[in-house]
Amino acid sequence: MSYMALLDRHVTFFNGSLRTLLRRESDRRRYANSPYAWLFQPYMGEELIALACHAGRSGIFSVAAVPFTQQAIKTSDAYVMTLLPSETAARQTSLVPSQRQHQLQHAPQRTEVMDETNLSELVAHIGNRPILGWGLRRQLSGLNRALNAHLGFALPNAQVDLDLLNRRELRRRQPYVDPPTNLRHAAARYRIPLHSFSSVLDQATASALLYQRLQRLVD
């Protein structure tokens, strides 16, 4: 089955309402002559982006974006960043213990200020590839708020919510089995390693593996 056929099959799990689609179309026209125009164009390749986001205390925010295909997960091309609000960054040397713990847990490749430059770099890395994750709307809420504040738009990508997709597959195959309530439980069901205190990179990688497993069940 082709990549686009797989996406068509799961179109009901693309995280968006009519209002969201209309907003994306409005943004596409508004940014048609900007450096961001290509982000609003349909993606015709084979890759997807597994995304994981975690908001900590005092506005600190970590995100991991892992590109993958049906055949391979490209962790060597993963993008893992922790973003600090400007007021936190100004006193970064005196981060409170909870913020230090956040950075230790998520082990970002970089820690930067949450501003237009660094958010532009993040969306350029994600590109216009479809994104997926567990409870995607909730995970994206903080990131999209930051993007709207600094860039003027939220991620326009096609989106697949693994929670909804997994529920549908369970209803089809095992209708009397309760669905997992979180990514860690789903990973355990499909024998995907994921520690309770996993980093955003671990969560994004597990999301990619889970999607691959679900696709094999569908085929």
Protein backbone atom coordinates (compact mmCIF):
# COMPACT_ATOMS: atom_id res chain seq x y z
CA MET A 1 0.00 0.00 0.00
CA SER A 2 1.36 3.44 -0.93
CA TYR A 3 2.22 6.15 1.57
CA MET A 4 -0.58 8.42 0.39
CA ALA A 5 -3.08 5.56 0.55
CA LEU A 6 -2.10 5.00 4.19
CA LEU A 7 -2.65 8.66 4.95
CA ASP A 8 -6.00 8.60 3.17
CA ARG A 9 -7.03 5.58 5.26
CA HIS A 10 -6.34 7.51 8.46
CA VAL A 11 -7.73 10.86 7.38
CA THR A 12 -10.28 10.76 10.22
CA PHE A 13 -7.40 10.85 12.69
CA PHE A 14 -5.87 14.02 11.29
CA ASN A 15 -6.09 16.34 14.21
CA GLY A 16 -8.24 19.16 12.92
CA SER A 17 -11.74 20.56 12.67
CA LEU A 18 -13.29 22.62 9.89
CA ARG A 19 -12.28 25.73 11.81
CA THR A 20 -8.67 24.49 11.90
CA LEU A 21 -8.68 23.76 8.17
CA LEU A 22 -10.06 27.20 7.40
CA ARG A 23 -7.39 28.81 9.59
CA ARG A 24 -4.67 26.85 7.81
CA GLU A 25 -5.96 27.97 4.43
CA SER A 26 -6.03 31.57 5.65
CA ASP A 27 -2.44 31.23 6.92
CA ARG A 28 -1.36 29.64 3.63
CA ARG A 29 -2.59 32.66 1.69
CA ARG A 30 -1.19 35.13 4.21
CA TYR A 31 2.30 33.61 4.02
CA ALA A 32 2.25 32.83 0.30
CA ASN A 33 5.07 35.32 -0.40
CA SER A 34 7.05 34.70 2.77
CA PRO A 35 9.95 32.34 3.54
CA TYR A 36 7.36 30.11 5.29
CA ALA A 37 5.23 29.55 2.18
CA TRP A 38 6.60 26.06 1.54
CA LEU A 39 5.42 24.85 4.97
CA PHE A 40 1.81 25.20 3.79
CA GLN A 41 2.27 23.12 0.63
CA PRO A 42 1.26 19.42 0.44
CA TYR A 43 4.06 16.99 1.24
CA MET A 44 4.69 14.42 -1.49
CA GLY A 45 7.48 12.37 0.08
CA GLU A 46 7.62 9.22 2.21
CA GLU A 47 8.71 10.59 5.60
CA LEU A 48 6.67 11.47 8.66
CA ILE A 49 7.71 13.26 11.85
CA ALA A 50 7.14 11.66 15.25
CA LEU A 51 6.74 14.55 17.67
CA ALA A 52 6.90 14.66 21.46
CA CYS A 53 6.58 17.81 23.57
CA HIS A 54 6.87 18.34 27.30
CA ALA A 55 6.20 21.57 29.18
CA GLY A 56 7.98 21.98 32.49
CA ARG A 57 7.71 24.57 35.21
CA SER A 58 8.34 28.28 34.68
CA GLY A 59 7.65 28.03 30.96
CA ILE A 60 10.51 25.69 30.07
CA PHE A 61 9.60 23.50 27.09
CA SER A 62 11.26 20.52 25.39
CA VAL A 63 10.44 19.10 21.97
CA ALA A 64 11.75 16.18 19.92
CA ALA A 65 11.07 15.66 16.21
CA VAL A 66 12.13 12.31 14.75
CA PRO A 67 11.81 11.66 11.00
CA PHE A 68 10.89 8.15 9.93
CA THR A 69 9.45 6.01 7.15
CA GLN A 70 7.71 2.65 7.20
CA GLN A 71 11.13 1.02 6.94
CA ALA A 72 13.40 3.07 9.20
CA ILE A 73 13.42 5.46 12.16
CA LYS A 74 16.07 8.12 11.63
CA THR A 75 17.11 8.92 15.18
CA SER A 76 20.43 10.26 13.86
CA ASP A 77 18.39 13.06 12.23
CA ALA A 78 16.30 13.73 15.34
CA TYR A 79 15.92 17.31 16.50
CA VAL A 80 15.77 17.70 20.29
CA MET A 81 15.62 21.18 21.78
CA THR A 82 14.73 22.77 25.09
CA LEU A 83 13.31 26.27 24.84
CA LEU A 84 13.48 28.79 27.66
CA PRO A 85 11.30 31.89 28.00
CA SER A 86 13.44 35.00 27.63
CA GLU A 87 13.13 35.94 31.29
CA THR A 88 14.33 32.46 32.32
CA ALA A 89 17.18 32.50 29.81
CA ALA A 90 18.42 35.78 31.26
CA ARG A 91 19.08 34.01 34.55
CA GLN A 92 19.92 30.58 33.14
CA THR A 93 22.90 30.16 35.48
CA SER A 94 20.52 30.14 38.42
CA LEU A 95 17.84 27.77 37.16
CA VAL A 96 15.75 26.26 39.92
CA PRO A 97 16.25 22.53 40.64
CA SER A 98 13.04 21.53 38.82
CA GLN A 99 14.30 23.22 35.64
CA ARG A 100 17.68 21.54 35.93
CA GLN A 101 15.89 18.21 36.40
CA HIS A 102 13.82 18.91 33.28
CA GLN A 103 16.97 19.44 31.22
CA LEU A 104 18.65 16.35 32.67
CA GLN A 105 15.64 14.18 31.91
CA HIS A 106 15.12 15.37 28.35
CA ALA A 107 18.82 15.68 27.47
CA PRO A 108 18.34 18.20 24.66
CA GLN A 109 20.90 18.66 21.94
CA ARG A 110 20.53 22.38 22.54
CA THR A 111 18.94 24.79 24.98
CA GLU A 112 17.82 28.06 23.42
CA VAL A 113 15.59 31.06 24.02
CA MET A 114 12.01 30.73 22.83
CA ASP A 115 12.13 33.36 20.11
CA GLU A 116 11.44 33.79 16.39
CA THR A 117 14.88 32.59 15.29
CA ASN A 118 14.83 29.30 17.18
CA LEU A 119 11.18 28.54 16.49
CA SER A 120 11.79 29.20 12.79
CA GLU A 121 14.61 26.68 12.89
CA LEU A 122 12.35 24.13 14.54
CA VAL A 123 9.53 24.45 12.00
CA ALA A 124 12.06 24.33 9.16
CA HIS A 125 13.33 21.02 10.53
CA ILE A 126 9.79 19.62 10.75
CA GLY A 127 8.98 21.04 7.34
CA ASN A 128 5.66 20.16 5.73
CA ARG A 129 5.88 16.46 6.59
CA PRO A 130 2.89 14.91 8.40
CA ILE A 131 3.37 14.78 12.16
CA LEU A 132 2.11 12.23 14.63
CA GLY A 133 2.13 11.69 18.36
CA TRP A 134 0.08 10.42 21.29
CA GLY A 135 -2.60 12.88 22.38
CA LEU A 136 -1.32 15.22 19.71
CA ARG A 137 -3.65 18.16 20.30
CA ARG A 138 -2.66 18.33 23.97
CA GLN A 139 1.04 17.93 23.15
CA LEU A 140 0.96 20.67 20.53
CA SER A 141 -0.98 23.20 22.58
CA GLY A 142 2.08 24.81 24.19
CA LEU A 143 4.18 24.69 21.03
CA ASN A 144 1.44 26.19 18.88
CA ARG A 145 0.90 28.99 21.41
CA ALA A 146 4.58 29.86 21.14
CA LEU A 147 4.49 29.64 17.33
CA ASN A 148 1.43 31.88 17.13
CA ALA A 149 3.06 34.41 19.45
CA HIS A 150 6.40 34.56 17.62
CA LEU A 151 5.67 33.50 14.02
CA GLY A 152 1.96 34.22 13.66
CA PHE A 153 0.83 30.68 12.79
CA ALA A 154 0.48 27.20 14.27
CA LEU A 155 1.91 24.06 12.68
CA PRO A 156 -0.10 23.58 9.45
CA ASN A 157 0.99 19.95 8.93
CA ALA A 158 -1.33 16.99 8.50
CA GLN A 159 -1.53 15.37 11.94
CA VAL A 160 -2.19 11.81 13.11
CA ASP A 161 -3.18 11.18 16.74
CA LEU A 162 -1.86 7.77 17.78
CA ASP A 163 -4.33 7.51 20.67
CA LEU A 164 -7.30 7.75 18.29
CA LEU A 165 -5.68 5.50 15.71
CA ASN A 166 -4.89 2.82 18.30
CA ARG A 167 -8.43 2.95 19.69
CA ARG A 168 -9.85 2.33 16.24
CA GLU A 169 -7.58 -0.63 15.61
CA LEU A 170 -8.47 -2.16 18.98
CA ARG A 171 -12.19 -1.73 18.33
CA ARG A 172 -11.70 -3.51 15.01
CA ARG A 173 -9.53 -6.36 16.30
CA GLN A 174 -10.34 -6.70 20.01
CA PRO A 175 -13.58 -4.83 20.73
CA TYR A 176 -13.81 -5.99 24.38
CA VAL A 177 -10.29 -4.92 25.35
CA ASP A 178 -9.88 -1.58 27.11
CA PRO A 179 -7.58 0.73 25.14
CA PRO A 180 -4.34 2.02 26.71
CA THR A 181 -4.71 5.35 28.45
CA ASN A 182 -1.26 6.72 27.63
CA LEU A 183 1.75 6.16 25.41
CA ARG A 184 3.63 4.12 28.00
CA HIS A 185 0.75 1.65 28.35
CA ALA A 186 0.39 1.42 24.57
CA ALA A 187 4.13 0.82 24.21
CA ALA A 188 3.94 -2.01 26.76
CA ARG A 189 1.04 -3.61 24.87
CA TYR A 190 3.07 -3.66 21.64
CA ARG A 191 6.35 -4.54 23.42
CA ILE A 192 8.02 -1.23 22.68
CA PRO A 193 10.51 -0.22 25.39
CA LEU A 194 9.60 3.04 27.10
CA HIS A 195 10.69 3.95 30.63
CA SER A 196 8.31 5.72 32.99
CA PHE A 197 10.64 8.76 33.13
CA SER A 198 11.43 8.81 29.42
CA SER A 199 12.81 11.82 27.56
CA VAL A 200 10.99 13.53 24.70
CA LEU A 201 13.35 11.74 22.29
CA ASP A 202 12.37 8.37 23.80
CA GLN A 203 8.68 9.27 23.52
CA ALA A 204 8.98 10.41 19.90
CA THR A 205 10.91 7.26 18.97
CA ALA A 206 8.33 5.07 20.71
CA SER A 207 5.58 6.91 18.82
CA ALA A 208 7.27 6.15 15.50
CA LEU A 209 7.65 2.47 16.46
CA LEU A 210 4.01 2.29 17.55
CA TYR A 211 2.84 3.74 14.24
CA GLN A 212 4.94 1.19 12.35
CA ARG A 213 3.42 -1.65 14.41
CA LEU A 214 -0.12 -0.39 13.80
CA GLN A 215 0.52 -0.18 10.08
CA ARG A 216 1.69 -3.80 10.00
CA LEU A 217 -1.56 -4.82 11.71
CA VAL A 218 -3.59 -2.92 9.12
CA ASP A 219 -1.77 -4.31 6.06
